[in-house]
C-alpha atoms as a PDB file:
ATOM      1  CA  UNK A   1       4.759   3.154  28.491  1.00  0.00           C
ATOM      2  CA  UNK A   2       2.487   3.396  25.829  1.00  0.00           C
ATOM      3  CA  UNK A   3       2.986   2.696  21.871  1.00  0.00           C
ATOM      4  CA  UNK A   4       0.914   4.135  19.533  1.00  0.00           C
ATOM      5  CA  UNK A   5       0.647   3.108  15.773  1.00  0.00           C
ATOM      6  CA  UNK A   6      -0.727   4.902  12.896  1.00  0.00           C
ATOM      7  CA  UNK A   7      -2.329   2.885   9.853  1.00  0.00           C
ATOM      8  CA  UNK A   8      -2.051  -0.045  12.047  1.00  0.00           C
ATOM      9  CA  UNK A   9      -5.393  -1.655   9.600  1.00  0.00           C
ATOM     10  CA  UNK A  10      -2.928  -1.008   6.546  1.00  0.00           C
ATOM     11  CA  UNK A  11      -0.311  -3.755   4.843  1.00  0.00           C
ATOM     12  CA  UNK A  12       2.526  -2.794   7.356  1.00  0.00           C
ATOM     13  CA  UNK A  13       0.697  -1.432  10.120  1.00  0.00           C
ATOM     14  CA  UNK A  14      -0.523  -4.859  10.577  1.00  0.00           C
ATOM     15  CA  UNK A  15       2.622  -6.289  10.410  1.00  0.00           C
ATOM     16  CA  UNK A  16       3.877  -4.329  13.121  1.00  0.00           C
ATOM     17  CA  UNK A  17       1.309  -4.647  15.415  1.00  0.00           C
ATOM     18  CA  UNK A  18       1.511  -8.858  15.098  1.00  0.00           C
ATOM     19  CA  UNK A  19       5.000  -8.564  15.738  1.00  0.00           C
ATOM     20  CA  UNK A  20       4.699  -6.156  18.659  1.00  0.00           C
ATOM     21  CA  UNK A  21       1.485  -8.582  20.235  1.00  0.00           C
ATOM     22  CA  UNK A  22       4.504 -11.152  20.573  1.00  0.00           C
ATOM     23  CA  UNK A  23       6.327  -9.151  23.112  1.00  0.00           C
ATOM     24  CA  UNK A  24       4.098  -6.416  24.733  1.00  0.00           C
ATOM     25  CA  UNK A  25       1.115  -6.703  27.075  1.00  0.00           C
ATOM     26  CA  UNK A  26      -2.116  -5.430  24.542  1.00  0.00           C
ATOM     27  CA  UNK A  27      -2.981  -2.906  27.148  1.00  0.00           C
ATOM     28  CA  UNK A  28       0.167  -0.910  26.083  1.00  0.00           C
ATOM     29  CA  UNK A  29      -0.764  -0.879  23.043  1.00  0.00           C
ATOM     30  CA  UNK A  30      -2.928   1.437  20.945  1.00  0.00           C
ATOM     31  CA  UNK A  31      -3.924   2.070  17.446  1.00  0.00           C
ATOM     32  CA  UNK A  32      -4.910   5.239  15.316  1.00  0.00           C
ATOM     33  CA  UNK A  33      -7.063   4.155  12.519  1.00  0.00           C
ATOM     34  CA  UNK A  34      -9.528   5.974  10.540  1.00  0.00           C
ATOM     35  CA  UNK A  35     -12.124   3.493  10.695  1.00  0.00           C
ATOM     36  CA  UNK A  36     -12.775   1.418  13.778  1.00  0.00           C
ATOM     37  CA  UNK A  37     -14.744  -0.815  12.795  1.00  0.00           C
ATOM     38  CA  UNK A  38     -11.615  -2.333  10.487  1.00  0.00           C
ATOM     39  CA  UNK A  39      -9.984  -2.481  14.036  1.00  0.00           C
ATOM     40  CA  UNK A  40     -12.078  -4.342  15.821  1.00  0.00           C
ATOM     41  CA  UNK A  41      -9.684  -7.796  15.577  1.00  0.00           C
ATOM     42  CA  UNK A  42      -7.347  -6.076  17.618  1.00  0.00           C
ATOM     43  CA  UNK A  43      -9.722  -4.779  20.008  1.00  0.00           C
ATOM     44  CA  UNK A  44     -10.816  -8.188  20.854  1.00  0.00           C
ATOM     45  CA  UNK A  45      -6.798  -8.504  21.782  1.00  0.00           C
ATOM     46  CA  UNK A  46      -6.928  -6.229  24.213  1.00  0.00           C
ATOM     47  CA  UNK A  47      -5.387  -3.312  21.908  1.00  0.00           C
ATOM     48  CA  UNK A  48      -6.703   0.134  22.471  1.00  0.00           C
ATOM     49  CA  UNK A  49      -8.026   1.120  19.409  1.00  0.00           C
ATOM     50  CA  UNK A  50      -8.528   5.390  18.578  1.00  0.00           C
ATOM     51  CA  UNK A  51     -10.298   6.890  15.953  1.00  0.00           C
ATOM     52  CA  UNK A  52      -7.744   9.157  14.095  1.00  0.00           C
ATOM     53  CA  UNK A  53      -8.083  10.770  10.736  1.00  0.00           C
ATOM     54  CA  UNK A  54      -5.179  12.767   9.495  1.00  0.00           C
ATOM     55  CA  UNK A  55      -6.630  15.137   7.790  1.00  0.00           C
ATOM     56  CA  UNK A  56      -9.088  15.907  11.429  1.00  0.00           C
ATOM     57  CA  UNK A  57      -6.258  17.062  13.774  1.00  0.00           C
ATOM     58  CA  UNK A  58      -8.371  17.548  16.080  1.00  0.00           C
ATOM     59  CA  UNK A  59      -9.355  13.615  15.767  1.00  0.00           C
ATOM     60  CA  UNK A  60      -5.075  12.949  16.060  1.00  0.00           C
ATOM     61  CA  UNK A  61      -5.019  15.136  19.626  1.00  0.00           C
ATOM     62  CA  UNK A  62      -7.403  13.317  21.144  1.00  0.00           C
ATOM     63  CA  UNK A  63      -5.874   9.546  19.787  1.00  0.00           C
ATOM     64  CA  UNK A  64      -2.310  10.681  21.083  1.00  0.00           C
ATOM     65  CA  UNK A  65      -3.524  11.477  24.068  1.00  0.00           C
ATOM     66  CA  UNK A  66      -1.256   9.452  26.995  1.00  0.00           C
ATOM     67  CA  UNK A  67       0.865   7.649  24.497  1.00  0.00           C
ATOM     68  CA  UNK A  68       4.343   7.424  25.110  1.00  0.00           C
ATOM     69  CA  UNK A  69       6.188   6.511  21.415  1.00  0.00           C
ATOM     70  CA  UNK A  70       4.503   6.612  18.280  1.00  0.00           C
ATOM     71  CA  UNK A  71       4.669   4.807  15.036  1.00  0.00           C
ATOM     72  CA  UNK A  72       4.386   7.338  12.438  1.00  0.00           C
ATOM     73  CA  UNK A  73       3.542   5.360   9.351  1.00  0.00           C
ATOM     74  CA  UNK A  74       3.777   7.603   5.951  1.00  0.00           C
ATOM     75  CA  UNK A  75       0.573   7.678   4.431  1.00  0.00           C
ATOM     76  CA  UNK A  76       0.029   8.008   0.228  1.00  0.00           C
ATOM     77  CA  UNK A  77      -1.354  10.360  -1.936  1.00  0.00           C
ATOM     78  CA  UNK A  78      -1.302  14.245  -3.054  1.00  0.00           C
ATOM     79  CA  UNK A  79      -1.690  15.412   0.397  1.00  0.00           C
ATOM     80  CA  UNK A  80       0.732  13.498   2.500  1.00  0.00           C
ATOM     81  CA  UNK A  81       2.572  16.152   3.597  1.00  0.00           C
ATOM     82  CA  UNK A  82       0.367  18.310   5.466  1.00  0.00           C
ATOM     83  CA  UNK A  83      -1.290  14.897   6.617  1.00  0.00           C
ATOM     84  CA  UNK A  84       2.788  13.841   8.741  1.00  0.00           C
ATOM     85  CA  UNK A  85       2.548  18.070   9.737  1.00  0.00           C
ATOM     86  CA  UNK A  86      -0.930  17.579  11.115  1.00  0.00           C
ATOM     87  CA  UNK A  87       0.602  14.236  13.266  1.00  0.00           C
ATOM     88  CA  UNK A  88       3.554  15.753  14.283  1.00  0.00           C
ATOM     89  CA  UNK A  89       2.212  18.591  15.708  1.00  0.00           C
ATOM     90  CA  UNK A  90      -0.304  16.317  17.239  1.00  0.00           C
ATOM     91  CA  UNK A  91       2.245  14.286  18.411  1.00  0.00           C
ATOM     92  CA  UNK A  92       3.581  16.674  20.426  1.00  0.00           C
ATOM     93  CA  UNK A  93       0.683  19.299  21.729  1.00  0.00           C
ATOM     94  CA  UNK A  94      -0.409  15.702  23.272  1.00  0.00           C
ATOM     95  CA  UNK A  95       3.466  15.140  25.074  1.00  0.00           C
ATOM     96  CA  UNK A  96       4.483  11.836  22.797  1.00  0.00           C
ATOM     97  CA  UNK A  97       8.217  11.591  23.658  1.00  0.00           C
ATOM     98  CA  UNK A  98       9.446   9.483  20.572  1.00  0.00           C
ATOM     99  CA  UNK A  99       8.116   9.323  17.582  1.00  0.00           C
ATOM    100  CA  UNK A 100       9.590   6.568  14.912  1.00  0.00           C
ATOM    101  CA  UNK A 101       9.169   7.384  10.959  1.00  0.00           C
ATOM    102  CA  UNK A 102       8.827   5.296   7.740  1.00  0.00           C
ATOM    103  CA  UNK A 103      11.086   7.132   5.379  1.00  0.00           C
ATOM    104  CA  UNK A 104      12.688   6.547   2.418  1.00  0.00           C
ATOM    105  CA  UNK A 105      15.954   5.822   1.709  1.00  0.00           C
ATOM    106  CA  UNK A 106      18.677   8.492   1.581  1.00  0.00           C
ATOM    107  CA  UNK A 107      15.854  10.371   1.749  1.00  0.00           C
ATOM    108  CA  UNK A 108      18.239  13.993   2.193  1.00  0.00           C
ATOM    109  CA  UNK A 109      19.340  13.399  -0.808  1.00  0.00           C
ATOM    110  CA  UNK A 110      17.131  11.297  -2.925  1.00  0.00           C
ATOM    111  CA  UNK A 111      16.193  13.110  -6.250  1.00  0.00           C
ATOM    112  CA  UNK A 112      13.369  10.795  -6.719  1.00  0.00           C
ATOM    113  CA  UNK A 113      10.271  13.000  -6.489  1.00  0.00           C
ATOM    114  CA  UNK A 114       8.515  10.370  -3.937  1.00  0.00           C
ATOM    115  CA  UNK A 115      11.479  11.434  -1.328  1.00  0.00           C
ATOM    116  CA  UNK A 116      10.006  15.593  -1.201  1.00  0.00           C
ATOM    117  CA  UNK A 117       7.464  14.541   1.145  1.00  0.00           C
ATOM    118  CA  UNK A 118       9.596  12.506   3.432  1.00  0.00           C
ATOM    119  CA  UNK A 119      12.453  15.139   3.412  1.00  0.00           C
ATOM    120  CA  UNK A 120      10.050  17.590   4.830  1.00  0.00           C
ATOM    121  CA  UNK A 121       8.473  15.576   7.451  1.00  0.00           C
ATOM    122  CA  UNK A 122      11.698  14.243   8.491  1.00  0.00           C
ATOM    123  CA  UNK A 123      13.196  17.796   8.902  1.00  0.00           C
ATOM    124  CA  UNK A 124       9.315  18.755  10.572  1.00  0.00           C
ATOM    125  CA  UNK A 125       9.851  16.013  13.128  1.00  0.00           C
ATOM    126  CA  UNK A 126      13.775  17.423  14.328  1.00  0.00           C
ATOM    127  CA  UNK A 127      12.135  20.575  14.168  1.00  0.00           C
ATOM    128  CA  UNK A 128       9.484  19.034  16.713  1.00  0.00           C
ATOM    129  CA  UNK A 129      11.695  18.720  19.925  1.00  0.00           C
ATOM    130  CA  UNK A 130      10.767  15.093  20.204  1.00  0.00           C
ATOM    131  CA  UNK A 131      13.007  12.194  20.517  1.00  0.00           C
ATOM    132  CA  UNK A 132      12.699  10.515  16.528  1.00  0.00           C
ATOM    133  CA  UNK A 133      14.145   7.455  14.589  1.00  0.00           C
ATOM    134  CA  UNK A 134      13.880   7.601  10.659  1.00  0.00           C
ATOM    135  CA  UNK A 135      13.381   4.798   9.389  1.00  0.00           C
ATOM    136  CA  UNK A 136      14.773   5.233   6.026  1.00  0.00           C
ATOM    137  CA  UNK A 137      13.462   1.867   4.373  1.00  0.00           C
ATOM    138  CA  UNK A 138      14.211   0.924   0.523  1.00  0.00           C
ATOM    139  CA  UNK A 139      11.807  -1.046  -1.446  1.00  0.00           C
ATOM    140  CA  UNK A 140       9.071  -3.532  -0.225  1.00  0.00           C
ATOM    141  CA  UNK A 141       9.787  -6.622  -2.735  1.00  0.00           C
ATOM    142  CA  UNK A 142       5.871  -6.691  -2.766  1.00  0.00           C
ATOM    143  CA  UNK A 143       5.815  -3.728  -4.937  1.00  0.00           C
ATOM    144  CA  UNK A 144       6.850  -5.763  -7.782  1.00  0.00           C
ATOM    145  CA  UNK A 145       3.641  -7.561  -7.339  1.00  0.00           C
ATOM    146  CA  UNK A 146       2.869  -6.567 -11.149  1.00  0.00           C
ATOM    147  CA  UNK A 147       6.064  -7.712 -12.718  1.00  0.00           C
ATOM    148  CA  UNK A 148       5.897 -11.485 -11.041  1.00  0.00           C
ATOM    149  CA  UNK A 149       1.853 -11.441 -11.762  1.00  0.00           C
ATOM    150  CA  UNK A 150       3.357 -10.488 -15.887  1.00  0.00           C
ATOM    151  CA  UNK A 151       5.615 -13.653 -15.516  1.00  0.00           C
ATOM    152  CA  UNK A 152       3.579 -15.893 -14.481  1.00  0.00           C
ATOM    153  CA  UNK A 153       1.011 -15.044 -17.051  1.00  0.00           C
ATOM    154  CA  UNK A 154       4.028 -15.717 -19.655  1.00  0.00           C
ATOM    155  CA  UNK A 155       4.292 -11.808 -20.566  1.00  0.00           C
ATOM    156  CA  UNK A 156       7.475  -9.965 -19.665  1.00  0.00           C
ATOM    157  CA  UNK A 157       9.034  -8.058 -16.744  1.00  0.00           C
ATOM    158  CA  UNK A 158       7.883  -4.204 -17.882  1.00  0.00           C
ATOM    159  CA  UNK A 159      10.592  -1.419 -16.168  1.00  0.00           C
ATOM    160  CA  UNK A 160      12.586   1.312 -16.957  1.00  0.00           C
ATOM    161  CA  UNK A 161      15.128   0.677 -14.352  1.00  0.00           C
ATOM    162  CA  UNK A 162      17.910  -0.222 -16.468  1.00  0.00           C
ATOM    163  CA  UNK A 163      20.621  -2.389 -14.603  1.00  0.00           C
ATOM    164  CA  UNK A 164      20.160  -0.539 -11.265  1.00  0.00           C
ATOM    165  CA  UNK A 165      20.341  -1.881  -8.411  1.00  0.00           C
ATOM    166  CA  UNK A 166      17.628  -1.947  -5.230  1.00  0.00           C
ATOM    167  CA  UNK A 167      17.835  -3.159  -1.767  1.00  0.00           C
ATOM    168  CA  UNK A 168      14.722  -5.100  -1.698  1.00  0.00           C
ATOM    169  CA  UNK A 169      13.031  -7.168   1.308  1.00  0.00           C
ATOM    170  CA  UNK A 170       9.849  -8.189   2.403  1.00  0.00           C
ATOM    171  CA  UNK A 171       7.504  -6.114   4.300  1.00  0.00           C
ATOM    172  CA  UNK A 172       7.498  -8.199   6.962  1.00  0.00           C
ATOM    173  CA  UNK A 173      11.115  -7.537   7.497  1.00  0.00           C
ATOM    174  CA  UNK A 174      10.880  -3.536   7.752  1.00  0.00           C
ATOM    175  CA  UNK A 175       7.881  -4.002  10.206  1.00  0.00           C
ATOM    176  CA  UNK A 176       9.796  -6.213  12.635  1.00  0.00           C
ATOM    177  CA  UNK A 177      12.092  -3.592  12.349  1.00  0.00           C
ATOM    178  CA  UNK A 178       9.654  -0.948  13.583  1.00  0.00           C
ATOM    179  CA  UNK A 179       8.322  -2.748  16.460  1.00  0.00           C
ATOM    180  CA  UNK A 180      12.182  -3.065  17.596  1.00  0.00           C
ATOM    181  CA  UNK A 181      12.881   0.502  17.380  1.00  0.00           C
ATOM    182  CA  UNK A 182       9.631   0.882  19.274  1.00  0.00           C
ATOM    183  CA  UNK A 183      10.341  -1.427  21.927  1.00  0.00           C
ATOM    184  CA  UNK A 184      14.261  -1.365  22.770  1.00  0.00           C
ATOM    185  CA  UNK A 185      16.061   1.583  23.979  1.00  0.00           C
ATOM    186  CA  UNK A 186      19.262   3.311  22.265  1.00  0.00           C
ATOM    187  CA  UNK A 187      17.349   4.785  18.883  1.00  0.00           C
ATOM    188  CA  UNK A 188      16.912   7.818  19.891  1.00  0.00           C
ATOM    189  CA  UNK A 189      17.595  10.360  16.942  1.00  0.00           C
ATOM    190  CA  UNK A 190      19.169   8.141  15.147  1.00  0.00           C
ATOM    191  CA  UNK A 191      18.471   7.406  11.144  1.00  0.00           C
ATOM    192  CA  UNK A 192      18.283   3.766   9.487  1.00  0.00           C
ATOM    193  CA  UNK A 193      19.378   3.004   6.048  1.00  0.00           C
ATOM    194  CA  UNK A 194      17.090  -0.349   6.020  1.00  0.00           C
ATOM    195  CA  UNK A 195      17.449  -2.448   2.955  1.00  0.00           C
ATOM    196  CA  UNK A 196      17.738  -6.046   1.623  1.00  0.00           C
ATOM    197  CA  UNK A 197      20.909  -7.500  -0.575  1.00  0.00           C
ATOM    198  CA  UNK A 198      21.200  -5.141  -3.466  1.00  0.00           C
ATOM    199  CA  UNK A 199      19.859  -6.855  -7.076  1.00  0.00           C
ATOM    200  CA  UNK A 200      19.122  -5.266 -10.309  1.00  0.00           C
ATOM    201  CA  UNK A 201      15.513  -5.719 -11.456  1.00  0.00           C
ATOM    202  CA  UNK A 202      17.081  -8.385 -13.881  1.00  0.00           C
ATOM    203  CA  UNK A 203      18.059 -10.721 -11.451  1.00  0.00           C
ATOM    204  CA  UNK A 204      15.211 -10.360  -9.375  1.00  0.00           C
ATOM    205  CA  UNK A 205      13.021 -11.374 -12.272  1.00  0.00           C
ATOM    206  CA  UNK A 206      15.371 -14.382 -12.623  1.00  0.00           C
ATOM    207  CA  UNK A 207      14.986 -15.079  -8.610  1.00  0.00           C
ATOM    208  CA  UNK A 208      11.323 -14.986  -9.008  1.00  0.00           C
ATOM    209  CA  UNK A 209      11.797 -17.534 -11.951  1.00  0.00           C
ATOM    210  CA  UNK A 210      13.720 -20.146 -10.098  1.00  0.00           C
ATOM    211  CA  UNK A 211      11.727 -19.642  -7.093  1.00  0.00           C
ATOM    212  CA  UNK A 212       7.918 -20.128  -8.907  1.00  0.00           C
ATOM    213  CA  UNK A 213       9.425 -22.460 -11.474  1.00  0.00           C
ATOM    214  CA  UNK A 214       9.295 -20.328 -14.337  1.00  0.00           C
ATOM    215  CA  UNK A 215      10.436 -18.452 -17.355  1.00  0.00           C
ATOM    216  CA  UNK A 216      11.228 -15.045 -15.980  1.00  0.00           C
ATOM    217  CA  UNK A 217      12.038 -12.273 -18.930  1.00  0.00           C
ATOM    218  CA  UNK A 218      12.327  -9.213 -18.581  1.00  0.00           C
ATOM    219  CA  UNK A 219      11.526  -5.795 -20.820  1.00  0.00           C
ATOM    220  CA  UNK A 220      13.511  -2.677 -20.303  1.00  0.00           C
ATOM    221  CA  UNK A 221      11.907   0.104 -21.709  1.00  0.00           C
ATOM    222  CA  UNK A 222      12.407   4.072 -21.628  1.00  0.00           C
ATOM    223  CA  UNK A 223      10.043   6.469 -19.814  1.00  0.00           C
ATOM    224  CA  UNK A 224       7.646   7.375 -22.386  1.00  0.00           C
ATOM    225  CA  UNK A 225       6.482   3.586 -22.983  1.00  0.00           C
ATOM    226  CA  UNK A 226       6.575   2.930 -19.064  1.00  0.00           C
ATOM    227  CA  UNK A 227       4.280   5.320 -18.437  1.00  0.00           C
ATOM    228  CA  UNK A 228       1.932   4.625 -21.441  1.00  0.00           C
ATOM    229  CA  UNK A 229       1.692   0.525 -20.533  1.00  0.00           C
ATOM    230  CA  UNK A 230       0.890   2.189 -16.705  1.00  0.00           C
ATOM    231  CA  UNK A 231      -1.827   4.864 -18.261  1.00  0.00           C
ATOM    232  CA  UNK A 232      -3.398   1.731 -20.572  1.00  0.00           C
ATOM    233  CA  UNK A 233      -3.411  -0.192 -17.167  1.00  0.00           C
ATOM    234  CA  UNK A 234      -5.790   2.500 -16.305  1.00  0.00           C
ATOM    235  CA  UNK A 235      -3.839   4.046 -13.622  1.00  0.00           C
ATOM    236  CA  UNK A 236      -5.164   7.176 -12.671  1.00  0.00           C
ATOM    237  CA  UNK A 237      -1.792   9.851 -14.022  1.00  0.00           C
ATOM    238  CA  UNK A 238      -1.111  11.479 -11.037  1.00  0.00           C
ATOM    239  CA  UNK A 239       0.292   7.490 -10.145  1.00  0.00           C
ATOM    240  CA  UNK A 240       1.334   7.080 -13.972  1.00  0.00           C
ATOM    241  CA  UNK A 241       3.575  10.605 -12.779  1.00  0.00           C
ATOM    242  CA  UNK A 242       4.878   9.223  -9.563  1.00  0.00           C
ATOM    243  CA  UNK A 243       5.760   5.152 -10.617  1.00  0.00           C
ATOM    244  CA  UNK A 244       7.336   6.756 -14.348  1.00  0.00           C
ATOM    245  CA  UNK A 245       9.393   9.489 -11.938  1.00  0.00           C
ATOM    246  CA  UNK A 246      10.341   6.257  -9.493  1.00  0.00           C
ATOM    247  CA  UNK A 247      11.494   4.243 -12.156  1.00  0.00           C
ATOM    248  CA  UNK A 248      13.771   6.900 -13.444  1.00  0.00           C
ATOM    249  CA  UNK A 249      14.868   7.800 -10.286  1.00  0.00           C
ATOM    250  CA  UNK A 250      15.856   3.860  -9.542  1.00  0.00           C
ATOM    251  CA  UNK A 251      17.488   3.729 -12.564  1.00  0.00           C
ATOM    252  CA  UNK A 252      19.794   6.885 -11.629  1.00  0.00           C
ATOM    253  CA  UNK A 253      20.942   4.980  -8.220  1.00  0.00           C
ATOM    254  CA  UNK A 254      18.208   5.999  -5.865  1.00  0.00           C
ATOM    255  CA  UNK A 255      17.695   3.188  -3.854  1.00  0.00           C
ATOM    256  CA  UNK A 256      20.899   1.602  -4.455  1.00  0.00           C
ATOM    257  CA  UNK A 257      22.427   1.837  -1.170  1.00  0.00           C
ATOM    258  CA  UNK A 258      23.875  -0.880   0.870  1.00  0.00           C
ATOM    259  CA  UNK A 259      23.192  -1.143   4.640  1.00  0.00           C
ATOM    260  CA  UNK A 260      23.179  -3.668   7.594  1.00  0.00           C
ATOM    261  CA  UNK A 261      21.362  -1.250   9.531  1.00  0.00           C
ATOM    262  CA  UNK A 262      18.393  -3.917   8.902  1.00  0.00           C
ATOM    263  CA  UNK A 263      20.009  -6.778   9.279  1.00  0.00           C
ATOM    264  CA  UNK A 264      21.612  -5.420  12.679  1.00  0.00           C
ATOM    265  CA  UNK A 265      18.257  -3.846  14.063  1.00  0.00           C
ATOM    266  CA  UNK A 266      16.624  -7.583  13.007  1.00  0.00           C
ATOM    267  CA  UNK A 267      19.535  -8.928  14.633  1.00  0.00           C
ATOM    268  CA  UNK A 268      19.390 -11.504  11.879  1.00  0.00           C
ATOM    269  CA  UNK A 269      19.590 -11.422   8.390  1.00  0.00           C
ATOM    270  CA  UNK A 270      17.023 -10.055   6.445  1.00  0.00           C
ATOM    271  CA  UNK A 271      14.731 -13.230   5.412  1.00  0.00           C
ATOM    272  CA  UNK A 272      15.131 -15.079   1.969  1.00  0.00           C
ATOM    273  CA  UNK A 273      12.755 -13.285  -0.414  1.00  0.00           C
ATOM    274  CA  UNK A 274      11.018 -16.859  -1.445  1.00  0.00           C
ATOM    275  CA  UNK A 275       8.124 -16.609   0.765  1.00  0.00           C
ATOM    276  CA  UNK A 276       7.111 -12.814  -0.129  1.00  0.00           C
ATOM    277  CA  UNK A 277       7.528 -14.152  -4.060  1.00  0.00           C
ATOM    278  CA  UNK A 278       5.095 -17.104  -3.633  1.00  0.00           C
ATOM    279  CA  UNK A 279       2.508 -15.488  -1.490  1.00  0.00           C
ATOM    280  CA  UNK A 280       2.530 -12.796  -4.180  1.00  0.00           C
ATOM    281  CA  UNK A 281       2.043 -15.534  -6.817  1.00  0.00           C
ATOM    282  CA  UNK A 282      -1.386 -16.571  -4.989  1.00  0.00           C
ATOM    283  CA  UNK A 283      -4.454 -15.561  -7.226  1.00  0.00           C
END
């Protein structure tokens, strides 16, 4: 059995590879990356490094040759649904038997615009005939880098999420859950809602203040003020729309899904967020 991870040089993919290498021989692992030079460190460990470009389907078919299990890490950008479908088509044609896909919490019912591509990709994978597992990740605490840096600079943590709850967990825990389903049996055609303990933004900010020993003020604003702040920071309009819509979706409960699936896959409780918070506080 050979396992392949897409996006293996990214934040999540690299953590998945680190965990897999603890128990799986490097010769049984492969990665598909756009730029193979960025995966030289994996090649040096004996991992099979393959060039695969989501915008060039022919490269994906070659990259997936001889692969049994695949982790499809969702891409970013405006064309990811087409990219995901190209990867699924290539996997089916290459004879991949099992696809694990990193989706979003409550994908089928979520009203967040961010969920649209995930919902479509889940449906496409189901229709492919391959076995699958959907890892519906809640929110990475690392997504809150901006708020944490604001607090460290004595500014308020600006948000538009109201008193809604989010199941933040460390990216490392989501990665370890992905490694578990790739190396264990019994996960075929399962859906896992992965989340840490539910907290509000104000509660997370208070935890940040406690961990870092600083005052953590929060400032709740409306969607328009939040969007204006993103524009002032220089974000392109596409991302302004995505991030502002996500604040609204969170406010309306899109990420307030309690579940012990992450703990069950990890075989332990999700790690406290202290370590990730300290790491994000580094310059």
